[in-house]
All heavy atoms as atom14 arrays in JSON, in Angstrom:
{
  "sequence": "DKRMTNPRVLPAVRGEILDRHGVALATSVEAYDVVANPQN",
  "atom14_mask": [
    [1, 1, 1, 1, 1, 1, 1, 1, 0, 0, 0, 0, 0, 0],
    [1, 1, 1, 1, 1, 1, 1, 1, 1, 0, 0, 0, 0, 0],
    [1, 1, 1, 1, 1, 1, 1, 1, 1, 1, 1, 0, 0, 0],
    [1, 1, 1, 1, 1, 1, 1, 1, 0, 0, 0, 0, 0, 0],
    [1, 1, 1, 1, 1, 1, 1, 0, 0, 0, 0, 0, 0, 0],
    [1, 1, 1, 1, 1, 1, 1, 1, 0, 0, 0, 0, 0, 0],
    [1, 1, 1, 1, 1, 1, 1, 0, 0, 0, 0, 0, 0, 0],
    [1, 1, 1, 1, 1, 1, 1, 1, 1, 1, 1, 0, 0, 0],
    [1, 1, 1, 1, 1, 1, 1, 0, 0, 0, 0, 0, 0, 0],
    [1, 1, 1, 1, 1, 1, 1, 1, 0, 0, 0, 0, 0, 0],
    [1, 1, 1, 1, 1, 1, 1, 0, 0, 0, 0, 0, 0, 0],
    [1, 1, 1, 1, 1, 0, 0, 0, 0, 0, 0, 0, 0, 0],
    [1, 1, 1, 1, 1, 1, 1, 0, 0, 0, 0, 0, 0, 0],
    [1, 1, 1, 1, 1, 1, 1, 1, 1, 1, 1, 0, 0, 0],
    [1, 1, 1, 1, 0, 0, 0, 0, 0, 0, 0, 0, 0, 0],
    [1, 1, 1, 1, 1, 1, 1, 1, 1, 0, 0, 0, 0, 0],
    [1, 1, 1, 1, 1, 1, 1, 1, 0, 0, 0, 0, 0, 0],
    [1, 1, 1, 1, 1, 1, 1, 1, 0, 0, 0, 0, 0, 0],
    [1, 1, 1, 1, 1, 1, 1, 1, 0, 0, 0, 0, 0, 0],
    [1, 1, 1, 1, 1, 1, 1, 1, 1, 1, 1, 0, 0, 0],
    [1, 1, 1, 1, 1, 1, 1, 1, 1, 1, 0, 0, 0, 0],
    [1, 1, 1, 1, 0, 0, 0, 0, 0, 0, 0, 0, 0, 0],
    [1, 1, 1, 1, 1, 1, 1, 0, 0, 0, 0, 0, 0, 0],
    [1, 1, 1, 1, 1, 0, 0, 0, 0, 0, 0, 0, 0, 0],
    [1, 1, 1, 1, 1, 1, 1, 1, 0, 0, 0, 0, 0, 0],
    [1, 1, 1, 1, 1, 0, 0, 0, 0, 0, 0, 0, 0, 0],
    [1, 1, 1, 1, 1, 1, 1, 0, 0, 0, 0, 0, 0, 0],
    [1, 1, 1, 1, 1, 1, 0, 0, 0, 0, 0, 0, 0, 0],
    [1, 1, 1, 1, 1, 1, 1, 0, 0, 0, 0, 0, 0, 0],
    [1, 1, 1, 1, 1, 1, 1, 1, 1, 0, 0, 0, 0, 0],
    [1, 1, 1, 1, 1, 0, 0, 0, 0, 0, 0, 0, 0, 0],
    [1, 1, 1, 1, 1, 1, 1, 1, 1, 1, 1, 1, 0, 0],
    [1, 1, 1, 1, 1, 1, 1, 1, 0, 0, 0, 0, 0, 0],
    [1, 1, 1, 1, 1, 1, 1, 0, 0, 0, 0, 0, 0, 0],
    [1, 1, 1, 1, 1, 1, 1, 0, 0, 0, 0, 0, 0, 0],
    [1, 1, 1, 1, 1, 0, 0, 0, 0, 0, 0, 0, 0, 0],
    [1, 1, 1, 1, 1, 1, 1, 1, 0, 0, 0, 0, 0, 0],
    [1, 1, 1, 1, 1, 1, 1, 0, 0, 0, 0, 0, 0, 0],
    [1, 1, 1, 1, 1, 1, 1, 1, 1, 0, 0, 0, 0, 0],
    [1, 1, 1, 1, 1, 1, 1, 1, 0, 0, 0, 0, 0, 0]
  ],
  "atom14_positions": [
    [[-150.23, -136.68, 31.43], [-149.49, -136.4, 30.2], [-150.36, -135.65, 29.18], [-149.91, -134.75, 28.5], [-148.98, -137.71, 29.59], [-148.13, -137.46, 28.36], [-147.06, -136.84, 28.49], [-148.54, -137.89, 27.26], [0.0, 0.0, 0.0], [0.0, 0.0, 0.0], [0.0, 0.0, 0.0], [0.0, 0.0, 0.0], [0.0, 0.0, 0.0], [0.0, 0.0, 0.0]],
    [[-151.64, -136.04, 29.11], [-152.54, -135.38, 28.17], [-152.84, -133.94, 28.59], [-153.11, -133.09, 27.76], [-153.84, -136.17, 28.05], [-153.68, -137.48, 27.29], [-155.0, -138.22, 27.17], [-154.82, -139.52, 26.39], [-156.11, -140.25, 26.27], [0.0, 0.0, 0.0], [0.0, 0.0, 0.0], [0.0, 0.0, 0.0], [0.0, 0.0, 0.0], [0.0, 0.0, 0.0]],
    [[-152.81, -133.71, 29.92], [-153.09, -132.36, 30.39], [-151.86, -131.46, 30.4], [-151.97, -130.25, 30.51], [-153.68, -132.42, 31.82], [-155.07, -133.0, 31.88], [-155.71, -132.7, 33.23], [-154.97, -133.3, 34.34], [-155.2, -134.51, 34.82], [-156.15, -135.27, 34.29], [-154.51, -134.97, 35.83], [0.0, 0.0, 0.0], [0.0, 0.0, 0.0], [0.0, 0.0, 0.0]],
    [[-150.67, -132.09, 30.27], [-149.44, -131.29, 30.28], [-149.32, -130.48, 29.0], [-149.56, -130.99, 27.9], [-148.21, -132.18, 30.44], [-148.1, -132.85, 31.8], [-147.87, -131.69, 33.17], [-146.14, -131.28, 32.95], [0.0, 0.0, 0.0], [0.0, 0.0, 0.0], [0.0, 0.0, 0.0], [0.0, 0.0, 0.0], [0.0, 0.0, 0.0], [0.0, 0.0, 0.0]],
    [[-148.96, -129.25, 29.13], [-148.73, -128.4, 27.97], [-147.42, -128.79, 27.3], [-146.57, -129.47, 27.89], [-148.63, -126.92, 28.38], [-147.54, -126.77, 29.3], [-149.92, -126.45, 29.03], [0.0, 0.0, 0.0], [0.0, 0.0, 0.0], [0.0, 0.0, 0.0], [0.0, 0.0, 0.0], [0.0, 0.0, 0.0], [0.0, 0.0, 0.0], [0.0, 0.0, 0.0]],
    [[-147.25, -128.36, 26.07], [-145.95, -128.54, 25.42], [-144.9, -127.73, 26.19], [-145.2, -126.66, 26.73], [-145.99, -128.06, 23.98], [-146.82, -128.97, 23.1], [-146.97, -130.15, 23.39], [-147.34, -128.42, 22.01], [0.0, 0.0, 0.0], [0.0, 0.0, 0.0], [0.0, 0.0, 0.0], [0.0, 0.0, 0.0], [0.0, 0.0, 0.0], [0.0, 0.0, 0.0]],
    [[-143.65, -128.22, 26.26], [-142.61, -127.46, 26.96], [-142.49, -126.05, 26.39], [-142.45, -125.86, 25.18], [-141.34, -128.27, 26.71], [-141.83, -129.66, 26.43], [-143.13, -129.49, 25.71], [0.0, 0.0, 0.0], [0.0, 0.0, 0.0], [0.0, 0.0, 0.0], [0.0, 0.0, 0.0], [0.0, 0.0, 0.0], [0.0, 0.0, 0.0], [0.0, 0.0, 0.0]],
    [[-142.49, -125.07, 27.26], [-142.37, -123.67, 26.85], [-141.03, -123.12, 27.3], [-140.57, -123.39, 28.42], [-143.5, -122.84, 27.45], [-144.89, -123.34, 27.1], [-145.2, -123.06, 25.63], [-146.46, -123.66, 25.24], [-147.64, -123.09, 25.43], [-147.72, -121.94, 26.06], [-148.73, -123.69, 25.02], [0.0, 0.0, 0.0], [0.0, 0.0, 0.0], [0.0, 0.0, 0.0]],
    [[-140.42, -122.33, 26.44], [-139.15, -121.69, 26.79], [-139.43, -120.54, 27.75], [-140.34, -119.73, 27.54], [-138.44, -121.17, 25.54], [-137.2, -120.36, 25.91], [-138.04, -122.32, 24.63], [0.0, 0.0, 0.0], [0.0, 0.0, 0.0], [0.0, 0.0, 0.0], [0.0, 0.0, 0.0], [0.0, 0.0, 0.0], [0.0, 0.0, 0.0], [0.0, 0.0, 0.0]],
    [[-138.65, -120.47, 28.8], [-138.67, -119.31, 29.7], [-137.44, -118.46, 29.34], [-136.32, -118.79, 29.74], [-138.6, -119.76, 31.16], [-139.76, -120.64, 31.64], [-139.53, -121.06, 33.1], [-141.09, -119.92, 31.49], [0.0, 0.0, 0.0], [0.0, 0.0, 0.0], [0.0, 0.0, 0.0], [0.0, 0.0, 0.0], [0.0, 0.0, 0.0], [0.0, 0.0, 0.0]],
    [[-137.64, -117.41, 28.57], [-136.49, -116.67, 28.06], [-135.7, -115.98, 29.17], [-136.28, -115.38, 30.08], [-137.11, -115.63, 27.11], [-138.51, -116.1, 26.86], [-138.91, -116.85, 28.09], [0.0, 0.0, 0.0], [0.0, 0.0, 0.0], [0.0, 0.0, 0.0], [0.0, 0.0, 0.0], [0.0, 0.0, 0.0], [0.0, 0.0, 0.0], [0.0, 0.0, 0.0]],
    [[-134.38, -116.06, 29.06], [-133.53, -115.29, 29.95], [-133.57, -113.82, 29.51], [-133.71, -113.53, 28.32], [-132.09, -115.81, 29.88], [0.0, 0.0, 0.0], [0.0, 0.0, 0.0], [0.0, 0.0, 0.0], [0.0, 0.0, 0.0], [0.0, 0.0, 0.0], [0.0, 0.0, 0.0], [0.0, 0.0, 0.0], [0.0, 0.0, 0.0], [0.0, 0.0, 0.0]],
    [[-133.49, -112.92, 30.46], [-133.46, -111.5, 30.14], [-132.04, -111.12, 29.72], [-131.08, -111.39, 30.43], [-133.89, -110.65, 31.34], [-133.78, -109.16, 31.01], [-135.32, -110.99, 31.74], [0.0, 0.0, 0.0], [0.0, 0.0, 0.0], [0.0, 0.0, 0.0], [0.0, 0.0, 0.0], [0.0, 0.0, 0.0], [0.0, 0.0, 0.0], [0.0, 0.0, 0.0]],
    [[-131.92, -110.54, 28.53], [-130.61, -110.16, 28.01], [-130.02, -109.03, 28.86], [-130.71, -108.11, 29.28], [-130.76, -109.7, 26.56], [-129.43, -109.51, 25.82], [-129.71, -109.25, 24.33], [-128.47, -109.05, 23.58], [-127.74, -110.03, 23.08], [-128.13, -111.29, 23.25], [-126.63, -109.8, 22.39], [0.0, 0.0, 0.0], [0.0, 0.0, 0.0], [0.0, 0.0, 0.0]],
    [[-128.74, -109.13, 29.14], [-128.07, -108.12, 29.94], [-128.06, -106.76, 29.26], [-128.18, -106.64, 28.05], [0.0, 0.0, 0.0], [0.0, 0.0, 0.0], [0.0, 0.0, 0.0], [0.0, 0.0, 0.0], [0.0, 0.0, 0.0], [0.0, 0.0, 0.0], [0.0, 0.0, 0.0], [0.0, 0.0, 0.0], [0.0, 0.0, 0.0], [0.0, 0.0, 0.0]],
    [[-127.9, -105.72, 30.05], [-127.86, -104.36, 29.52], [-126.44, -104.01, 29.06], [-125.46, -104.58, 29.52], [-128.3, -103.36, 30.58], [-129.75, -103.49, 30.99], [-130.18, -102.4, 31.95], [-129.45, -102.18, 32.95], [-131.22, -101.76, 31.72], [0.0, 0.0, 0.0], [0.0, 0.0, 0.0], [0.0, 0.0, 0.0], [0.0, 0.0, 0.0], [0.0, 0.0, 0.0]],
    [[-126.35, -103.05, 28.15], [-125.08, -102.43, 27.79], [-125.13, -101.02, 28.33], [-126.05, -100.25, 28.01], [-124.86, -102.43, 26.27], [-124.82, -103.87, 25.74], [-123.55, -101.72, 25.92], [-124.66, -103.98, 24.23], [0.0, 0.0, 0.0], [0.0, 0.0, 0.0], [0.0, 0.0, 0.0], [0.0, 0.0, 0.0], [0.0, 0.0, 0.0], [0.0, 0.0, 0.0]],
    [[-124.18, -100.67, 29.18], [-124.19, -99.41, 29.92], [-122.98, -98.56, 29.58], [-121.93, -99.08, 29.2], [-124.2, -99.69, 31.43], [-125.24, -100.7, 31.93], [-124.94, -101.09, 33.37], [-126.63, -100.12, 31.82], [0.0, 0.0, 0.0], [0.0, 0.0, 0.0], [0.0, 0.0, 0.0], [0.0, 0.0, 0.0], [0.0, 0.0, 0.0], [0.0, 0.0, 0.0]],
    [[-123.11, -97.26, 29.74], [-121.94, -96.41, 29.61], [-121.15, -96.48, 30.92], [-121.56, -97.17, 31.87], [-122.32, -94.98, 29.21], [-122.59, -94.05, 30.38], [-122.96, -94.54, 31.47], [-122.44, -92.82, 30.21], [0.0, 0.0, 0.0], [0.0, 0.0, 0.0], [0.0, 0.0, 0.0], [0.0, 0.0, 0.0], [0.0, 0.0, 0.0], [0.0, 0.0, 0.0]],
    [[-120.05, -95.79, 31.02], [-119.16, -95.93, 32.17], [-119.83, -95.45, 33.47], [-119.38, -95.79, 34.57], [-117.85, -95.2, 31.93], [-117.96, -93.71, 31.8], [-116.62, -93.06, 31.36], [-115.56, -93.33, 32.3], [-114.5, -94.1, 32.03], [-114.38, -94.68, 30.84], [-113.56, -94.29, 32.93], [0.0, 0.0, 0.0], [0.0, 0.0, 0.0], [0.0, 0.0, 0.0]],
    [[-120.91, -94.66, 33.38], [-121.6, -94.15, 34.56], [-122.88, -94.92, 34.85], [-123.67, -94.53, 35.71], [-121.92, -92.67, 34.37], [-120.72, -91.83, 34.09], [-119.68, -91.68, 34.98], [-120.37, -91.1, 32.98], [-118.75, -90.89, 34.45], [-119.15, -90.54, 33.24], [0.0, 0.0, 0.0], [0.0, 0.0, 0.0], [0.0, 0.0, 0.0], [0.0, 0.0, 0.0]],
    [[-123.14, -96.01, 34.12], [-124.31, -96.82, 34.36], [-125.54, -96.41, 33.58], [-126.64, -96.93, 33.83], [0.0, 0.0, 0.0], [0.0, 0.0, 0.0], [0.0, 0.0, 0.0], [0.0, 0.0, 0.0], [0.0, 0.0, 0.0], [0.0, 0.0, 0.0], [0.0, 0.0, 0.0], [0.0, 0.0, 0.0], [0.0, 0.0, 0.0], [0.0, 0.0, 0.0]],
    [[-125.39, -95.5, 32.63], [-126.51, -95.08, 31.78], [-126.72, -96.13, 30.7], [-125.78, -96.54, 30.02], [-126.24, -93.71, 31.14], [-127.39, -93.31, 30.22], [-126.02, -92.65, 32.22], [0.0, 0.0, 0.0], [0.0, 0.0, 0.0], [0.0, 0.0, 0.0], [0.0, 0.0, 0.0], [0.0, 0.0, 0.0], [0.0, 0.0, 0.0], [0.0, 0.0, 0.0]],
    [[-127.98, -96.57, 30.53], [-128.28, -97.65, 29.59], [-128.15, -97.19, 28.15], [-128.77, -96.21, 27.73], [-129.68, -98.18, 29.84], [0.0, 0.0, 0.0], [0.0, 0.0, 0.0], [0.0, 0.0, 0.0], [0.0, 0.0, 0.0], [0.0, 0.0, 0.0], [0.0, 0.0, 0.0], [0.0, 0.0, 0.0], [0.0, 0.0, 0.0], [0.0, 0.0, 0.0]],
    [[-127.34, -97.92, 27.39], [-127.24, -97.72, 25.94], [-128.05, -98.79, 25.21], [-128.46, -98.59, 24.07], [-125.77, -97.77, 25.51], [-124.83, -96.74, 26.16], [-123.39, -96.99, 25.73], [-125.26, -95.32, 25.81], [0.0, 0.0, 0.0], [0.0, 0.0, 0.0], [0.0, 0.0, 0.0], [0.0, 0.0, 0.0], [0.0, 0.0, 0.0], [0.0, 0.0, 0.0]],
    [[-128.24, -99.93, 25.87], [-129.08, -101.01, 25.34], [-129.71, -101.72, 26.53], [-129.02, -102.03, 27.51], [-128.27, -101.99, 24.52], [0.0, 0.0, 0.0], [0.0, 0.0, 0.0], [0.0, 0.0, 0.0], [0.0, 0.0, 0.0], [0.0, 0.0, 0.0], [0.0, 0.0, 0.0], [0.0, 0.0, 0.0], [0.0, 0.0, 0.0], [0.0, 0.0, 0.0]],
    [[-131.01, -101.95, 26.46], [-131.7, -102.61, 27.57], [-132.83, -103.45, 27.01], [-133.13, -103.4, 25.82], [-132.23, -101.57, 28.58], [-132.71, -102.24, 29.75], [-133.35, -100.72, 27.99], [0.0, 0.0, 0.0], [0.0, 0.0, 0.0], [0.0, 0.0, 0.0], [0.0, 0.0, 0.0], [0.0, 0.0, 0.0], [0.0, 0.0, 0.0], [0.0, 0.0, 0.0]],
    [[-133.46, -104.23, 27.89], [-134.58, -105.08, 27.48], [-135.81, -104.71, 28.31], [-135.71, -104.54, 29.52], [-134.24, -106.56, 27.68], [-133.17, -106.93, 26.84], [0.0, 0.0, 0.0], [0.0, 0.0, 0.0], [0.0, 0.0, 0.0], [0.0, 0.0, 0.0], [0.0, 0.0, 0.0], [0.0, 0.0, 0.0], [0.0, 0.0, 0.0], [0.0, 0.0, 0.0]],
    [[-136.94, -104.57, 27.64], [-138.19, -104.21, 28.32], [-139.17, -105.37, 28.22], [-139.04, -106.24, 27.35], [-138.81, -102.94, 27.72], [-137.9, -101.75, 27.93], [-139.11, -103.11, 26.23], [0.0, 0.0, 0.0], [0.0, 0.0, 0.0], [0.0, 0.0, 0.0], [0.0, 0.0, 0.0], [0.0, 0.0, 0.0], [0.0, 0.0, 0.0], [0.0, 0.0, 0.0]],
    [[-140.17, -105.38, 29.11], [-141.15, -106.47, 29.16], [-141.92, -106.57, 27.85], [-142.35, -105.57, 27.27], [-142.12, -106.21, 30.31], [-143.18, -107.29, 30.49], [-144.13, -106.98, 31.62], [-143.87, -106.01, 32.38], [-145.14, -107.69, 31.74], [0.0, 0.0, 0.0], [0.0, 0.0, 0.0], [0.0, 0.0, 0.0], [0.0, 0.0, 0.0], [0.0, 0.0, 0.0]],
    [[-142.09, -107.78, 27.38], [-142.86, -108.05, 26.17], [-143.45, -109.45, 26.27], [-143.13, -110.21, 27.2], [-141.98, -107.92, 24.93], [0.0, 0.0, 0.0], [0.0, 0.0, 0.0], [0.0, 0.0, 0.0], [0.0, 0.0, 0.0], [0.0, 0.0, 0.0], [0.0, 0.0, 0.0], [0.0, 0.0, 0.0], [0.0, 0.0, 0.0], [0.0, 0.0, 0.0]],
    [[-144.34, -109.79, 25.33], [-145.01, -111.09, 25.34], [-145.08, -111.67, 23.94], [-145.36, -110.95, 22.98], [-146.43, -110.98, 25.92], [-146.46, -110.63, 27.38], [-146.42, -109.3, 27.79], [-146.5, -111.62, 28.34], [-146.43, -108.97, 29.13], [-146.51, -111.3, 29.69], [-146.47, -109.97, 30.09], [-146.48, -109.66, 31.42], [0.0, 0.0, 0.0], [0.0, 0.0, 0.0]],
    [[-144.84, -112.98, 23.85], [-145.12, -113.71, 22.62], [-146.57, -114.2, 22.7], [-147.0, -114.73, 23.74], [-144.19, -114.92, 22.47], [-142.76, -114.5, 22.13], [-142.56, -113.34, 21.77], [-141.86, -115.36, 22.25], [0.0, 0.0, 0.0], [0.0, 0.0, 0.0], [0.0, 0.0, 0.0], [0.0, 0.0, 0.0], [0.0, 0.0, 0.0], [0.0, 0.0, 0.0]],
    [[-147.32, -114.0, 21.62], [-148.72, -114.43, 21.57], [-148.78, -115.76, 20.83], [-148.31, -115.87, 19.69], [-149.6, -113.4, 20.86], [-151.07, -113.83, 20.91], [-149.43, -112.02, 21.48], [0.0, 0.0, 0.0], [0.0, 0.0, 0.0], [0.0, 0.0, 0.0], [0.0, 0.0, 0.0], [0.0, 0.0, 0.0], [0.0, 0.0, 0.0], [0.0, 0.0, 0.0]],
    [[-149.33, -116.78, 21.49], [-149.43, -118.11, 20.88], [-150.87, -118.61, 21.03], [-151.66, -118.09, 21.82], [-148.46, -119.12, 21.53], [-147.03, -118.64, 21.39], [-148.81, -119.34, 23.0], [0.0, 0.0, 0.0], [0.0, 0.0, 0.0], [0.0, 0.0, 0.0], [0.0, 0.0, 0.0], [0.0, 0.0, 0.0], [0.0, 0.0, 0.0], [0.0, 0.0, 0.0]],
    [[-151.2, -119.62, 20.27], [-152.52, -120.24, 20.36], [-152.35, -121.74, 20.61], [-151.43, -122.36, 20.07], [-153.31, -120.03, 19.07], [0.0, 0.0, 0.0], [0.0, 0.0, 0.0], [0.0, 0.0, 0.0], [0.0, 0.0, 0.0], [0.0, 0.0, 0.0], [0.0, 0.0, 0.0], [0.0, 0.0, 0.0], [0.0, 0.0, 0.0], [0.0, 0.0, 0.0]],
    [[-153.22, -122.27, 21.45], [-153.36, -123.73, 21.59], [-154.58, -124.11, 20.76], [-155.73, -123.94, 21.22], [-153.55, -124.13, 23.04], [-153.62, -125.64, 23.21], [-153.92, -126.38, 22.26], [-153.34, -126.11, 24.42], [0.0, 0.0, 0.0], [0.0, 0.0, 0.0], [0.0, 0.0, 0.0], [0.0, 0.0, 0.0], [0.0, 0.0, 0.0], [0.0, 0.0, 0.0]],
    [[-154.39, -124.56, 19.51], [-155.53, -124.82, 18.61], [-156.59, -125.75, 19.2], [-157.77, -125.64, 18.85], [-154.86, -125.44, 17.38], [-153.47, -124.87, 17.39], [-153.1, -124.83, 18.85], [0.0, 0.0, 0.0], [0.0, 0.0, 0.0], [0.0, 0.0, 0.0], [0.0, 0.0, 0.0], [0.0, 0.0, 0.0], [0.0, 0.0, 0.0], [0.0, 0.0, 0.0]],
    [[-156.18, -126.66, 20.1], [-157.14, -127.59, 20.67], [-158.14, -126.9, 21.61], [-159.21, -127.43, 21.89], [-156.41, -128.71, 21.42], [-155.36, -129.44, 20.6], [-155.89, -129.9, 19.24], [-156.95, -130.52, 19.17], [-155.16, -129.58, 18.17], [0.0, 0.0, 0.0], [0.0, 0.0, 0.0], [0.0, 0.0, 0.0], [0.0, 0.0, 0.0], [0.0, 0.0, 0.0]],
    [[-157.75, -125.71, 22.07], [-158.62, -124.99, 23.0], [-159.37, -123.83, 22.33], [-160.11, -123.11, 22.99], [-157.82, -124.45, 24.18], [-157.28, -125.57, 25.05], [-157.88, -126.65, 25.14], [-156.15, -125.33, 25.7], [0.0, 0.0, 0.0], [0.0, 0.0, 0.0], [0.0, 0.0, 0.0], [0.0, 0.0, 0.0], [0.0, 0.0, 0.0], [0.0, 0.0, 0.0]]
  ]
}
């Protein structure tokens, strides 16, 4: 229990919005949230 990290959210990837031919009008690209574990 002491070694277990706090529960972390695994974000779902938001769906794309496409035009009628499949061209992306809105999409999601890889990114990262930066966090700190103060105890470490």
